[in-house]
């Protein structure tokens, strides 16, 4: 078992780190309503509006998690010059996150995911539908050039670069090429969470897909058996030449593949009574990145990311984990998961 003192030593370094986060910024909107009666127009319930909440999603949620964990988050992305974009900037700035790296593009709309939640006054409201307002078109060449230039200027002054690619046009071929080039120099930690283009990132410090993303990128479906997991992970490591691969597996925990051929897994932390998985991947990559920036081993970083992921899925909506919550989980030695070696190097 990794000593508690060692984990706390890693956590104590979080506040000293500067992490740049580049990717797709999303306005996560939650609209709550109380069910009143059935409509006369169609066999559907009428909801009486109660309240609306907006949170940063996608790369914005990664920034919020980095900030909540005590580090300095530096966002780089593209938003529209519209109300959702202004809300995102305001949310970031209200948490003292510098938004100089955010580019407003008149030709694009800010991605917004509106979730409608319904229920009675005295019950937990459940999501009934989600409406996505988005464009998957690549950012235009001028904006791309400006974004790459901003990243070039910041890289010498940061401890790590976190990439949050939801396939919404920010991480173009040109931006990805720049990221791969920076990663190949091995002068900076580069971590990547990519929904559709995982296999196109090379030489990075870590890839952090979920099980379905890893299956799709490797071409091997991960089942409940260890064999398919090992085969999928090995293929992805070979394709990308990454230093590590952290696959999040929901209730099955996480699996870690290292460049030396060794493979580890860890059970999920906490209860399996999950409240909401929205944004859990952002929490995992944020914690994993910060730990690596504090000289944690891949195994130590996986444990801390597992603890953070277990905490955040117990919260409803797009949420974050604080440094204090993570310290409390580290102290919970009776419930702390134990890392198991699946394959030796």
C-alpha atoms as a PDB file:
ATOM      1  CA  UNK A   1       0.000   0.000   0.000  1.00  0.00           C
ATOM      2  CA  UNK A   2       1.206   3.495  -0.834  1.00  0.00           C
ATOM      3  CA  UNK A   3       1.939   5.331   2.458  1.00  0.00           C
ATOM      4  CA  UNK A   4      -0.516   8.046   3.455  1.00  0.00           C
ATOM      5  CA  UNK A   5       2.410  10.386   4.106  1.00  0.00           C
ATOM      6  CA  UNK A   6       3.563   9.993   0.501  1.00  0.00           C
ATOM      7  CA  UNK A   7       0.098  10.759  -0.896  1.00  0.00           C
ATOM      8  CA  UNK A   8      -0.161  13.857   1.300  1.00  0.00           C
ATOM      9  CA  UNK A   9       3.272  14.943   0.138  1.00  0.00           C
ATOM     10  CA  UNK A  10       2.023  14.825  -3.451  1.00  0.00           C
ATOM     11  CA  UNK A  11      -1.177  16.692  -2.562  1.00  0.00           C
ATOM     12  CA  UNK A  12       0.806  19.404  -0.777  1.00  0.00           C
ATOM     13  CA  UNK A  13       2.420  20.303  -4.085  1.00  0.00           C
ATOM     14  CA  UNK A  14      -0.846  20.906  -5.952  1.00  0.00           C
ATOM     15  CA  UNK A  15      -1.045  24.577  -4.969  1.00  0.00           C
ATOM     16  CA  UNK A  16       2.376  25.278  -6.477  1.00  0.00           C
ATOM     17  CA  UNK A  17       1.508  24.038  -9.971  1.00  0.00           C
ATOM     18  CA  UNK A  18       0.364  25.848 -13.116  1.00  0.00           C
ATOM     19  CA  UNK A  19      -1.609  23.701 -15.541  1.00  0.00           C
ATOM     20  CA  UNK A  20      -2.745  24.850 -18.980  1.00  0.00           C
ATOM     21  CA  UNK A  21      -5.942  23.239 -20.266  1.00  0.00           C
ATOM     22  CA  UNK A  22      -6.864  23.358 -23.948  1.00  0.00           C
ATOM     23  CA  UNK A  23      -9.950  21.953 -25.606  1.00  0.00           C
ATOM     24  CA  UNK A  24     -13.686  22.234 -26.068  1.00  0.00           C
ATOM     25  CA  UNK A  25     -15.462  24.496 -23.589  1.00  0.00           C
ATOM     26  CA  UNK A  26     -19.107  23.689 -22.923  1.00  0.00           C
ATOM     27  CA  UNK A  27     -21.854  25.489 -21.015  1.00  0.00           C
ATOM     28  CA  UNK A  28     -23.583  22.781 -18.975  1.00  0.00           C
ATOM     29  CA  UNK A  29     -27.101  24.041 -18.272  1.00  0.00           C
ATOM     30  CA  UNK A  30     -29.547  22.465 -15.824  1.00  0.00           C
ATOM     31  CA  UNK A  31     -33.193  23.545 -16.016  1.00  0.00           C
ATOM     32  CA  UNK A  32     -35.337  22.327 -13.123  1.00  0.00           C
ATOM     33  CA  UNK A  33     -39.108  22.096 -13.236  1.00  0.00           C
ATOM     34  CA  UNK A  34     -41.926  20.814 -11.050  1.00  0.00           C
ATOM     35  CA  UNK A  35     -44.409  18.442 -12.659  1.00  0.00           C
ATOM     36  CA  UNK A  36     -47.918  19.876 -12.523  1.00  0.00           C
ATOM     37  CA  UNK A  37     -50.317  18.152 -14.934  1.00  0.00           C
ATOM     38  CA  UNK A  38     -50.649  16.512 -18.340  1.00  0.00           C
ATOM     39  CA  UNK A  39     -50.764  18.866 -21.307  1.00  0.00           C
ATOM     40  CA  UNK A  40     -53.917  19.145 -23.433  1.00  0.00           C
ATOM     41  CA  UNK A  41     -51.737  19.562 -26.528  1.00  0.00           C
ATOM     42  CA  UNK A  42     -49.980  16.189 -26.299  1.00  0.00           C
ATOM     43  CA  UNK A  43     -49.625  13.306 -23.830  1.00  0.00           C
ATOM     44  CA  UNK A  44     -46.726  14.973 -22.014  1.00  0.00           C
ATOM     45  CA  UNK A  45     -46.227  16.481 -18.586  1.00  0.00           C
ATOM     46  CA  UNK A  46     -46.201  20.222 -18.092  1.00  0.00           C
ATOM     47  CA  UNK A  47     -43.239  21.448 -16.059  1.00  0.00           C
ATOM     48  CA  UNK A  48     -43.425  24.649 -14.076  1.00  0.00           C
ATOM     49  CA  UNK A  49     -40.023  26.300 -14.247  1.00  0.00           C
ATOM     50  CA  UNK A  50     -38.201  26.320 -10.929  1.00  0.00           C
ATOM     51  CA  UNK A  51     -34.579  27.339 -11.511  1.00  0.00           C
ATOM     52  CA  UNK A  52     -31.664  27.299 -13.950  1.00  0.00           C
ATOM     53  CA  UNK A  53     -28.017  26.559 -13.151  1.00  0.00           C
ATOM     54  CA  UNK A  54     -25.053  26.868 -15.508  1.00  0.00           C
ATOM     55  CA  UNK A  55     -21.651  25.249 -14.958  1.00  0.00           C
ATOM     56  CA  UNK A  56     -18.491  25.033 -17.067  1.00  0.00           C
ATOM     57  CA  UNK A  57     -18.410  21.691 -18.872  1.00  0.00           C
ATOM     58  CA  UNK A  58     -15.803  19.917 -20.979  1.00  0.00           C
ATOM     59  CA  UNK A  59     -12.461  21.660 -20.734  1.00  0.00           C
ATOM     60  CA  UNK A  60     -14.121  24.253 -18.505  1.00  0.00           C
ATOM     61  CA  UNK A  61     -14.935  21.570 -15.949  1.00  0.00           C
ATOM     62  CA  UNK A  62     -11.330  20.368 -16.073  1.00  0.00           C
ATOM     63  CA  UNK A  63     -10.243  23.944 -15.281  1.00  0.00           C
ATOM     64  CA  UNK A  64     -12.697  24.131 -12.387  1.00  0.00           C
ATOM     65  CA  UNK A  65     -11.364  20.835 -11.020  1.00  0.00           C
ATOM     66  CA  UNK A  66      -7.761  22.000 -11.316  1.00  0.00           C
ATOM     67  CA  UNK A  67      -8.714  25.183  -9.487  1.00  0.00           C
ATOM     68  CA  UNK A  68     -10.689  23.327  -6.787  1.00  0.00           C
ATOM     69  CA  UNK A  69      -7.665  21.116  -6.148  1.00  0.00           C
ATOM     70  CA  UNK A  70      -5.574  24.199  -5.449  1.00  0.00           C
ATOM     71  CA  UNK A  71      -3.571  24.661  -8.642  1.00  0.00           C
ATOM     72  CA  UNK A  72      -3.519  27.576 -11.045  1.00  0.00           C
ATOM     73  CA  UNK A  73      -5.591  26.619 -14.092  1.00  0.00           C
ATOM     74  CA  UNK A  74      -4.934  28.447 -17.364  1.00  0.00           C
ATOM     75  CA  UNK A  75      -7.676  27.845 -19.974  1.00  0.00           C
ATOM     76  CA  UNK A  76      -7.228  27.949 -23.750  1.00  0.00           C
ATOM     77  CA  UNK A  77     -10.222  27.502 -25.999  1.00  0.00           C
ATOM     78  CA  UNK A  78     -12.750  29.034 -28.366  1.00  0.00           C
ATOM     79  CA  UNK A  79     -16.251  30.272 -27.564  1.00  0.00           C
ATOM     80  CA  UNK A  80     -18.894  32.198 -29.459  1.00  0.00           C
ATOM     81  CA  UNK A  81     -19.662  35.844 -28.804  1.00  0.00           C
ATOM     82  CA  UNK A  82     -22.998  34.894 -27.276  1.00  0.00           C
ATOM     83  CA  UNK A  83     -24.789  34.573 -23.937  1.00  0.00           C
ATOM     84  CA  UNK A  84     -23.525  31.037 -23.097  1.00  0.00           C
ATOM     85  CA  UNK A  85     -19.978  32.158 -23.938  1.00  0.00           C
ATOM     86  CA  UNK A  86     -20.269  35.213 -21.701  1.00  0.00           C
ATOM     87  CA  UNK A  87     -21.612  33.030 -18.896  1.00  0.00           C
ATOM     88  CA  UNK A  88     -18.642  30.695 -19.223  1.00  0.00           C
ATOM     89  CA  UNK A  89     -16.165  33.568 -19.066  1.00  0.00           C
ATOM     90  CA  UNK A  90     -17.944  35.038 -16.057  1.00  0.00           C
ATOM     91  CA  UNK A  91     -17.923  31.683 -14.245  1.00  0.00           C
ATOM     92  CA  UNK A  92     -14.208  31.232 -14.862  1.00  0.00           C
ATOM     93  CA  UNK A  93     -13.348  34.802 -13.896  1.00  0.00           C
ATOM     94  CA  UNK A  94     -15.480  34.654 -10.731  1.00  0.00           C
ATOM     95  CA  UNK A  95     -13.188  31.840  -9.593  1.00  0.00           C
ATOM     96  CA  UNK A  96     -10.113  33.964 -10.348  1.00  0.00           C
ATOM     97  CA  UNK A  97      -9.221  31.886 -13.413  1.00  0.00           C
ATOM     98  CA  UNK A  98      -7.471  34.048 -16.009  1.00  0.00           C
ATOM     99  CA  UNK A  99      -9.335  33.938 -19.334  1.00  0.00           C
ATOM    100  CA  UNK A 100      -6.793  35.724 -21.540  1.00  0.00           C
ATOM    101  CA  UNK A 101      -6.312  32.475 -23.476  1.00  0.00           C
ATOM    102  CA  UNK A 102      -9.996  32.228 -24.395  1.00  0.00           C
ATOM    103  CA  UNK A 103     -10.787  33.319 -27.958  1.00  0.00           C
ATOM    104  CA  UNK A 104     -14.193  34.717 -28.946  1.00  0.00           C
ATOM    105  CA  UNK A 105     -15.184  33.736 -32.485  1.00  0.00           C
ATOM    106  CA  UNK A 106     -18.135  35.542 -34.067  1.00  0.00           C
ATOM    107  CA  UNK A 107     -18.611  32.744 -36.605  1.00  0.00           C
ATOM    108  CA  UNK A 108     -19.210  30.052 -33.956  1.00  0.00           C
ATOM    109  CA  UNK A 109     -21.724  29.432 -31.231  1.00  0.00           C
ATOM    110  CA  UNK A 110     -20.684  28.331 -27.777  1.00  0.00           C
ATOM    111  CA  UNK A 111     -21.504  24.679 -27.200  1.00  0.00           C
ATOM    112  CA  UNK A 112     -24.384  24.362 -24.728  1.00  0.00           C
ATOM    113  CA  UNK A 113     -25.899  21.207 -23.275  1.00  0.00           C
ATOM    114  CA  UNK A 114     -29.283  21.926 -21.721  1.00  0.00           C
ATOM    115  CA  UNK A 115     -30.564  19.234 -19.375  1.00  0.00           C
ATOM    116  CA  UNK A 116     -34.227  19.295 -18.354  1.00  0.00           C
ATOM    117  CA  UNK A 117     -34.862  17.793 -14.916  1.00  0.00           C
ATOM    118  CA  UNK A 118     -38.347  17.109 -13.617  1.00  0.00           C
ATOM    119  CA  UNK A 119     -39.979  15.979 -10.394  1.00  0.00           C
ATOM    120  CA  UNK A 120     -42.345  16.989  -7.653  1.00  0.00           C
ATOM    121  CA  UNK A 121     -41.519  19.515  -4.944  1.00  0.00           C
ATOM    122  CA  UNK A 122     -40.346  16.914  -2.439  1.00  0.00           C
ATOM    123  CA  UNK A 123     -38.496  14.423  -4.657  1.00  0.00           C
ATOM    124  CA  UNK A 124     -35.096  14.349  -6.336  1.00  0.00           C
ATOM    125  CA  UNK A 125     -35.551  15.658  -9.851  1.00  0.00           C
ATOM    126  CA  UNK A 126     -34.542  13.323 -12.676  1.00  0.00           C
ATOM    127  CA  UNK A 127     -33.180  14.228 -16.099  1.00  0.00           C
ATOM    128  CA  UNK A 128     -35.808  13.625 -18.767  1.00  0.00           C
ATOM    129  CA  UNK A 129     -34.122  15.037 -21.869  1.00  0.00           C
ATOM    130  CA  UNK A 130     -30.955  16.824 -22.979  1.00  0.00           C
ATOM    131  CA  UNK A 131     -30.771  19.350 -25.805  1.00  0.00           C
ATOM    132  CA  UNK A 132     -27.347  19.935 -27.374  1.00  0.00           C
ATOM    133  CA  UNK A 133     -26.503  23.184 -29.147  1.00  0.00           C
ATOM    134  CA  UNK A 134     -23.180  22.598 -30.850  1.00  0.00           C
ATOM    135  CA  UNK A 135     -21.075  22.708 -33.973  1.00  0.00           C
ATOM    136  CA  UNK A 136     -18.531  20.042 -34.867  1.00  0.00           C
ATOM    137  CA  UNK A 137     -16.932  22.240 -37.534  1.00  0.00           C
ATOM    138  CA  UNK A 138     -13.242  22.976 -37.026  1.00  0.00           C
ATOM    139  CA  UNK A 139     -12.274  26.432 -35.840  1.00  0.00           C
ATOM    140  CA  UNK A 140     -11.192  28.609 -38.765  1.00  0.00           C
ATOM    141  CA  UNK A 141      -7.486  28.833 -39.749  1.00  0.00           C
ATOM    142  CA  UNK A 142      -7.030  32.303 -38.262  1.00  0.00           C
ATOM    143  CA  UNK A 143      -8.387  31.237 -34.875  1.00  0.00           C
ATOM    144  CA  UNK A 144      -6.347  28.019 -35.044  1.00  0.00           C
ATOM    145  CA  UNK A 145      -3.157  29.997 -35.643  1.00  0.00           C
ATOM    146  CA  UNK A 146      -3.925  32.311 -32.721  1.00  0.00           C
ATOM    147  CA  UNK A 147      -4.621  29.359 -30.411  1.00  0.00           C
ATOM    148  CA  UNK A 148      -1.386  27.571 -31.340  1.00  0.00           C
ATOM    149  CA  UNK A 149       0.606  30.776 -30.848  1.00  0.00           C
ATOM    150  CA  UNK A 150      -0.899  31.209 -27.372  1.00  0.00           C
ATOM    151  CA  UNK A 151       0.077  27.636 -26.468  1.00  0.00           C
ATOM    152  CA  UNK A 152       3.615  28.171 -27.786  1.00  0.00           C
ATOM    153  CA  UNK A 153       4.010  31.168 -25.505  1.00  0.00           C
ATOM    154  CA  UNK A 154       2.632  29.507 -22.355  1.00  0.00           C
ATOM    155  CA  UNK A 155       4.377  26.113 -22.519  1.00  0.00           C
ATOM    156  CA  UNK A 156       7.743  27.300 -21.102  1.00  0.00           C
ATOM    157  CA  UNK A 157       5.898  28.668 -18.055  1.00  0.00           C
ATOM    158  CA  UNK A 158       3.649  25.749 -17.046  1.00  0.00           C
ATOM    159  CA  UNK A 159       4.039  22.395 -15.326  1.00  0.00           C
ATOM    160  CA  UNK A 160       1.664  20.426 -17.547  1.00  0.00           C
ATOM    161  CA  UNK A 161      -0.687  20.655 -20.518  1.00  0.00           C
ATOM    162  CA  UNK A 162      -4.100  19.007 -20.218  1.00  0.00           C
ATOM    163  CA  UNK A 163      -6.037  18.335 -23.435  1.00  0.00           C
ATOM    164  CA  UNK A 164      -9.821  17.937 -23.316  1.00  0.00           C
ATOM    165  CA  UNK A 165     -11.018  16.967 -26.799  1.00  0.00           C
ATOM    166  CA  UNK A 166     -14.773  16.417 -27.143  1.00  0.00           C
ATOM    167  CA  UNK A 167     -14.649  16.434 -30.949  1.00  0.00           C
ATOM    168  CA  UNK A 168     -16.251  19.875 -31.213  1.00  0.00           C
ATOM    169  CA  UNK A 169     -13.679  21.511 -33.461  1.00  0.00           C
ATOM    170  CA  UNK A 170     -11.139  23.132 -31.148  1.00  0.00           C
ATOM    171  CA  UNK A 171      -8.520  20.389 -31.396  1.00  0.00           C
ATOM    172  CA  UNK A 172      -7.935  20.541 -35.141  1.00  0.00           C
ATOM    173  CA  UNK A 173      -5.295  18.528 -36.984  1.00  0.00           C
ATOM    174  CA  UNK A 174      -2.992  21.539 -36.669  1.00  0.00           C
ATOM    175  CA  UNK A 175      -3.539  21.945 -32.926  1.00  0.00           C
ATOM    176  CA  UNK A 176      -3.078  18.201 -32.419  1.00  0.00           C
ATOM    177  CA  UNK A 177       0.134  18.255 -34.439  1.00  0.00           C
ATOM    178  CA  UNK A 178       1.452  21.005 -32.176  1.00  0.00           C
ATOM    179  CA  UNK A 179       0.474  19.044 -29.055  1.00  0.00           C
ATOM    180  CA  UNK A 180       2.151  15.878 -30.353  1.00  0.00           C
ATOM    181  CA  UNK A 181       5.296  17.834 -31.190  1.00  0.00           C
ATOM    182  CA  UNK A 182       5.409  19.370 -27.712  1.00  0.00           C
ATOM    183  CA  UNK A 183       4.857  15.949 -26.135  1.00  0.00           C
ATOM    184  CA  UNK A 184       7.649  14.355 -28.193  1.00  0.00           C
ATOM    185  CA  UNK A 185      10.202  16.779 -26.737  1.00  0.00           C
ATOM    186  CA  UNK A 186       9.497  15.288 -23.269  1.00  0.00           C
ATOM    187  CA  UNK A 187      10.032  18.644 -21.579  1.00  0.00           C
ATOM    188  CA  UNK A 188       6.474  18.910 -20.313  1.00  0.00           C
ATOM    189  CA  UNK A 189       3.748  16.604 -19.031  1.00  0.00           C
ATOM    190  CA  UNK A 190       0.967  16.242 -21.616  1.00  0.00           C
ATOM    191  CA  UNK A 191      -2.246  14.398 -20.733  1.00  0.00           C
ATOM    192  CA  UNK A 192      -5.104  13.769 -23.146  1.00  0.00           C
ATOM    193  CA  UNK A 193      -8.783  12.918 -22.853  1.00  0.00           C
ATOM    194  CA  UNK A 194     -10.215  12.573 -26.374  1.00  0.00           C
ATOM    195  CA  UNK A 195     -13.653  11.260 -27.230  1.00  0.00           C
ATOM    196  CA  UNK A 196     -13.112  10.370 -30.888  1.00  0.00           C
ATOM    197  CA  UNK A 197      -9.445  10.896 -31.811  1.00  0.00           C
ATOM    198  CA  UNK A 198      -7.511   9.177 -29.054  1.00  0.00           C
ATOM    199  CA  UNK A 199      -5.386   7.162 -31.478  1.00  0.00           C
ATOM    200  CA  UNK A 200      -4.190  10.344 -33.215  1.00  0.00           C
ATOM    201  CA  UNK A 201      -2.312  11.634 -30.168  1.00  0.00           C
ATOM    202  CA  UNK A 202       1.270  10.375 -29.949  1.00  0.00           C
ATOM    203  CA  UNK A 203       4.167  10.462 -27.471  1.00  0.00           C
ATOM    204  CA  UNK A 204       2.023  12.010 -24.731  1.00  0.00           C
ATOM    205  CA  UNK A 205       2.576  11.386 -21.033  1.00  0.00           C
ATOM    206  CA  UNK A 206      -0.857   9.883 -20.519  1.00  0.00           C
ATOM    207  CA  UNK A 207      -4.108   9.065 -22.278  1.00  0.00           C
ATOM    208  CA  UNK A 208      -7.197   8.829 -20.049  1.00  0.00           C
ATOM    209  CA  UNK A 209     -10.090   7.283 -22.026  1.00  0.00           C
ATOM    210  CA  UNK A 210     -13.111   5.531 -20.627  1.00  0.00           C
ATOM    211  CA  UNK A 211     -13.721   1.906 -21.521  1.00  0.00           C
ATOM    212  CA  UNK A 212     -15.816   2.537 -24.632  1.00  0.00           C
ATOM    213  CA  UNK A 213     -13.379   5.146 -25.979  1.00  0.00           C
ATOM    214  CA  UNK A 214     -10.447   2.768 -25.475  1.00  0.00           C
ATOM    215  CA  UNK A 215     -12.359  -0.043 -27.184  1.00  0.00           C
ATOM    216  CA  UNK A 216     -13.145   2.113 -30.211  1.00  0.00           C
ATOM    217  CA  UNK A 217      -9.631   3.552 -30.527  1.00  0.00           C
ATOM    218  CA  UNK A 218      -7.919   0.165 -30.212  1.00  0.00           C
ATOM    219  CA  UNK A 219     -10.385  -1.800 -32.328  1.00  0.00           C
ATOM    220  CA  UNK A 220     -10.794  -4.373 -29.553  1.00  0.00           C
ATOM    221  CA  UNK A 221     -13.955  -4.410 -27.447  1.00  0.00           C
ATOM    222  CA  UNK A 222     -13.199  -4.523 -23.727  1.00  0.00           C
ATOM    223  CA  UNK A 223     -15.434  -7.046 -21.986  1.00  0.00           C
ATOM    224  CA  UNK A 224     -15.544  -8.284 -18.412  1.00  0.00           C
ATOM    225  CA  UNK A 225     -12.516 -10.513 -18.984  1.00  0.00           C
ATOM    226  CA  UNK A 226      -8.909  -9.497 -18.349  1.00  0.00           C
ATOM    227  CA  UNK A 227      -7.752 -10.811 -21.728  1.00  0.00           C
ATOM    228  CA  UNK A 228      -9.743  -8.300 -23.800  1.00  0.00           C
ATOM    229  CA  UNK A 229      -8.654  -5.473 -21.496  1.00  0.00           C
ATOM    230  CA  UNK A 230      -4.975  -6.355 -21.871  1.00  0.00           C
ATOM    231  CA  UNK A 231      -5.306  -6.742 -25.636  1.00  0.00           C
ATOM    232  CA  UNK A 232      -7.098  -3.419 -26.086  1.00  0.00           C
ATOM    233  CA  UNK A 233      -4.641  -1.537 -23.887  1.00  0.00           C
ATOM    234  CA  UNK A 234      -1.590  -3.066 -25.561  1.00  0.00           C
ATOM    235  CA  UNK A 235      -2.877  -2.109 -29.024  1.00  0.00           C
ATOM    236  CA  UNK A 236      -3.546   1.460 -27.950  1.00  0.00           C
ATOM    237  CA  UNK A 237      -0.129   1.806 -26.327  1.00  0.00           C
ATOM    238  CA  UNK A 238       1.506   0.540 -29.512  1.00  0.00           C
ATOM    239  CA  UNK A 239      -0.539   2.880 -31.731  1.00  0.00           C
ATOM    240  CA  UNK A 240       0.173   6.002 -29.708  1.00  0.00           C
ATOM    241  CA  UNK A 241       3.563   5.357 -28.083  1.00  0.00           C
ATOM    242  CA  UNK A 242       2.181   7.011 -24.944  1.00  0.00           C
ATOM    243  CA  UNK A 243       4.079   6.780 -21.657  1.00  0.00           C
ATOM    244  CA  UNK A 244       0.926   5.573 -19.932  1.00  0.00           C
ATOM    245  CA  UNK A 245      -2.721   4.745 -20.514  1.00  0.00           C
ATOM    246  CA  UNK A 246      -5.327   5.114 -17.771  1.00  0.00           C
ATOM    247  CA  UNK A 247      -8.651   3.493 -18.676  1.00  0.00           C
ATOM    248  CA  UNK A 248     -11.611   4.450 -16.485  1.00  0.00           C
ATOM    249  CA  UNK A 249     -14.041   1.542 -16.190  1.00  0.00           C
ATOM    250  CA  UNK A 250     -16.977   2.824 -14.147  1.00  0.00           C
ATOM    251  CA  UNK A 251     -17.918   0.448 -11.338  1.00  0.00           C
ATOM    252  CA  UNK A 252     -14.907  -1.722 -12.256  1.00  0.00           C
ATOM    253  CA  UNK A 253     -12.471   1.010 -11.273  1.00  0.00           C
ATOM    254  CA  UNK A 254      -9.448   1.874 -13.416  1.00  0.00           C
ATOM    255  CA  UNK A 255      -6.679   0.107 -15.303  1.00  0.00           C
ATOM    256  CA  UNK A 256      -3.192   1.516 -15.868  1.00  0.00           C
ATOM    257  CA  UNK A 257      -0.869   0.512 -18.709  1.00  0.00           C
ATOM    258  CA  UNK A 258       2.765   1.609 -18.610  1.00  0.00           C
ATOM    259  CA  UNK A 259       5.345   1.805 -21.357  1.00  0.00           C
ATOM    260  CA  UNK A 260       7.450  -0.953 -19.759  1.00  0.00           C
ATOM    261  CA  UNK A 261       4.587  -3.398 -20.374  1.00  0.00           C
ATOM    262  CA  UNK A 262       3.304  -3.579 -16.809  1.00  0.00           C
ATOM    263  CA  UNK A 263      -0.434  -3.284 -16.149  1.00  0.00           C
ATOM    264  CA  UNK A 264      -2.227  -2.419 -12.916  1.00  0.00           C
ATOM    265  CA  UNK A 265      -5.823  -2.020 -11.844  1.00  0.00           C
ATOM    266  CA  UNK A 266      -7.632  -0.519  -8.904  1.00  0.00           C
ATOM    267  CA  UNK A 267     -11.220  -0.978  -7.648  1.00  0.00           C
ATOM    268  CA  UNK A 268     -13.600   1.958  -7.592  1.00  0.00           C
ATOM    269  CA  UNK A 269     -13.433   4.070  -4.439  1.00  0.00           C
ATOM    270  CA  UNK A 270     -16.531   4.408  -2.281  1.00  0.00           C
ATOM    271  CA  UNK A 271     -19.988   3.028  -2.880  1.00  0.00           C
ATOM    272  CA  UNK A 272     -21.329   1.901  -6.251  1.00  0.00           C
ATOM    273  CA  UNK A 273     -24.486   3.954  -5.578  1.00  0.00           C
ATOM    274  CA  UNK A 274     -23.497   6.493  -8.227  1.00  0.00           C
ATOM    275  CA  UNK A 275     -25.478   9.745  -8.302  1.00  0.00           C
ATOM    276  CA  UNK A 276     -24.169  11.272 -11.549  1.00  0.00           C
ATOM    277  CA  UNK A 277     -21.214  10.525 -13.835  1.00  0.00           C
ATOM    278  CA  UNK A 278     -21.380  13.899 -15.623  1.00  0.00           C
ATOM    279  CA  UNK A 279     -17.861  15.301 -15.892  1.00  0.00           C
ATOM    280  CA  UNK A 280     -16.232  12.483 -13.914  1.00  0.00           C
ATOM    281  CA  UNK A 281     -13.612  12.056 -16.638  1.00  0.00           C
ATOM    282  CA  UNK A 282     -12.638  15.720 -16.249  1.00  0.00           C
ATOM    283  CA  UNK A 283     -12.075  15.181 -12.529  1.00  0.00           C
ATOM    284  CA  UNK A 284      -9.963  12.086 -13.178  1.00  0.00           C
ATOM    285  CA  UNK A 285      -7.653  13.683 -15.744  1.00  0.00           C
ATOM    286  CA  UNK A 286      -7.283  16.851 -13.640  1.00  0.00           C
ATOM    287  CA  UNK A 287      -6.207  14.910 -10.559  1.00  0.00           C
ATOM    288  CA  UNK A 288      -3.985  12.530 -12.545  1.00  0.00           C
ATOM    289  CA  UNK A 289      -2.266  15.445 -14.312  1.00  0.00           C
ATOM    290  CA  UNK A 290      -1.659  17.396 -11.127  1.00  0.00           C
ATOM    291  CA  UNK A 291      -0.241  14.351  -9.354  1.00  0.00           C
ATOM    292  CA  UNK A 292       2.186  13.684 -12.218  1.00  0.00           C
ATOM    293  CA  UNK A 293       3.211  17.353 -12.150  1.00  0.00           C
ATOM    294  CA  UNK A 294       4.096  16.809  -8.473  1.00  0.00           C
ATOM    295  CA  UNK A 295       6.435  13.928  -9.398  1.00  0.00           C
ATOM    296  CA  UNK A 296       3.989  11.173  -8.478  1.00  0.00           C
ATOM    297  CA  UNK A 297       4.513   7.768 -10.050  1.00  0.00           C
ATOM    298  CA  UNK A 298       1.827   6.614 -12.463  1.00  0.00           C
ATOM    299  CA  UNK A 299       0.515   4.239  -9.777  1.00  0.00           C
ATOM    300  CA  UNK A 300       0.342   7.012  -7.167  1.00  0.00           C
ATOM    301  CA  UNK A 301      -1.399   9.310  -9.646  1.00  0.00           C
ATOM    302  CA  UNK A 302      -3.896   6.553 -10.486  1.00  0.00           C
ATOM    303  CA  UNK A 303      -4.791   6.070  -6.828  1.00  0.00           C
ATOM    304  CA  UNK A 304      -5.417   9.776  -6.283  1.00  0.00           C
ATOM    305  CA  UNK A 305      -7.454   9.987  -9.508  1.00  0.00           C
ATOM    306  CA  UNK A 306      -9.491   6.969  -8.394  1.00  0.00           C
ATOM    307  CA  UNK A 307     -10.259   8.637  -5.062  1.00  0.00           C
ATOM    308  CA  UNK A 308     -11.269  11.878  -6.788  1.00  0.00           C
ATOM    309  CA  UNK A 309     -13.463  10.044  -9.293  1.00  0.00           C
ATOM    310  CA  UNK A 310     -15.183   8.111  -6.520  1.00  0.00           C
ATOM    311  CA  UNK A 311     -15.981  11.342  -4.700  1.00  0.00           C
ATOM    312  CA  UNK A 312     -17.279  13.318  -7.682  1.00  0.00           C
ATOM    313  CA  UNK A 313     -19.740  10.675  -8.949  1.00  0.00           C
ATOM    314  CA  UNK A 314     -21.576  10.971  -5.635  1.00  0.00           C
ATOM    315  CA  UNK A 315     -22.434  14.573  -6.507  1.00  0.00           C
ATOM    316  CA  UNK A 316     -25.239  15.585  -8.844  1.00  0.00           C
ATOM    317  CA  UNK A 317     -24.539  17.615 -11.950  1.00  0.00           C
ATOM    318  CA  UNK A 318     -21.236  18.940 -13.234  1.00  0.00           C
ATOM    319  CA  UNK A 319     -19.144  18.938 -10.067  1.00  0.00           C
ATOM    320  CA  UNK A 320     -15.607  19.219  -8.726  1.00  0.00           C
ATOM    321  CA  UNK A 321     -13.516  17.722  -5.939  1.00  0.00           C
ATOM    322  CA  UNK A 322     -11.699  19.946  -3.459  1.00  0.00           C
ATOM    323  CA  UNK A 323      -8.231  19.387  -2.041  1.00  0.00           C
ATOM    324  CA  UNK A 324      -9.768  18.943   1.429  1.00  0.00           C
ATOM    325  CA  UNK A 325     -12.084  16.191   0.173  1.00  0.00           C
ATOM    326  CA  UNK A 326      -9.148  14.393  -1.403  1.00  0.00           C
ATOM    327  CA  UNK A 327      -7.104  14.643   1.802  1.00  0.00           C
ATOM    328  CA  UNK A 328     -10.042  13.191   3.734  1.00  0.00           C
ATOM    329  CA  UNK A 329     -10.212  10.267   1.290  1.00  0.00           C
ATOM    330  CA  UNK A 330      -6.463   9.688   1.615  1.00  0.00           C
ATOM    331  CA  UNK A 331      -6.896   9.495   5.391  1.00  0.00           C
ATOM    332  CA  UNK A 332      -9.680   6.922   4.971  1.00  0.00           C
ATOM    333  CA  UNK A 333      -7.222   4.002   4.957  1.00  0.00           C
ATOM    334  CA  UNK A 334      -9.886   1.393   5.779  1.00  0.00           C
ATOM    335  CA  UNK A 335     -11.777   2.115   2.549  1.00  0.00           C
ATOM    336  CA  UNK A 336      -8.875   3.155   0.357  1.00  0.00           C
ATOM    337  CA  UNK A 337      -8.601   0.856  -2.694  1.00  0.00           C
ATOM    338  CA  UNK A 338      -5.515  -1.297  -3.165  1.00  0.00           C
ATOM    339  CA  UNK A 339      -3.663  -1.391  -6.483  1.00  0.00           C
ATOM    340  CA  UNK A 340      -3.247  -4.829  -8.032  1.00  0.00           C
ATOM    341  CA  UNK A 341      -0.676  -5.876 -10.639  1.00  0.00           C
ATOM    342  CA  UNK A 342      -2.330  -7.546 -13.642  1.00  0.00           C
ATOM    343  CA  UNK A 343       0.830  -7.978 -15.672  1.00  0.00           C
ATOM    344  CA  UNK A 344       4.483  -7.550 -14.765  1.00  0.00           C
ATOM    345  CA  UNK A 345       6.932  -5.827 -17.071  1.00  0.00           C
END
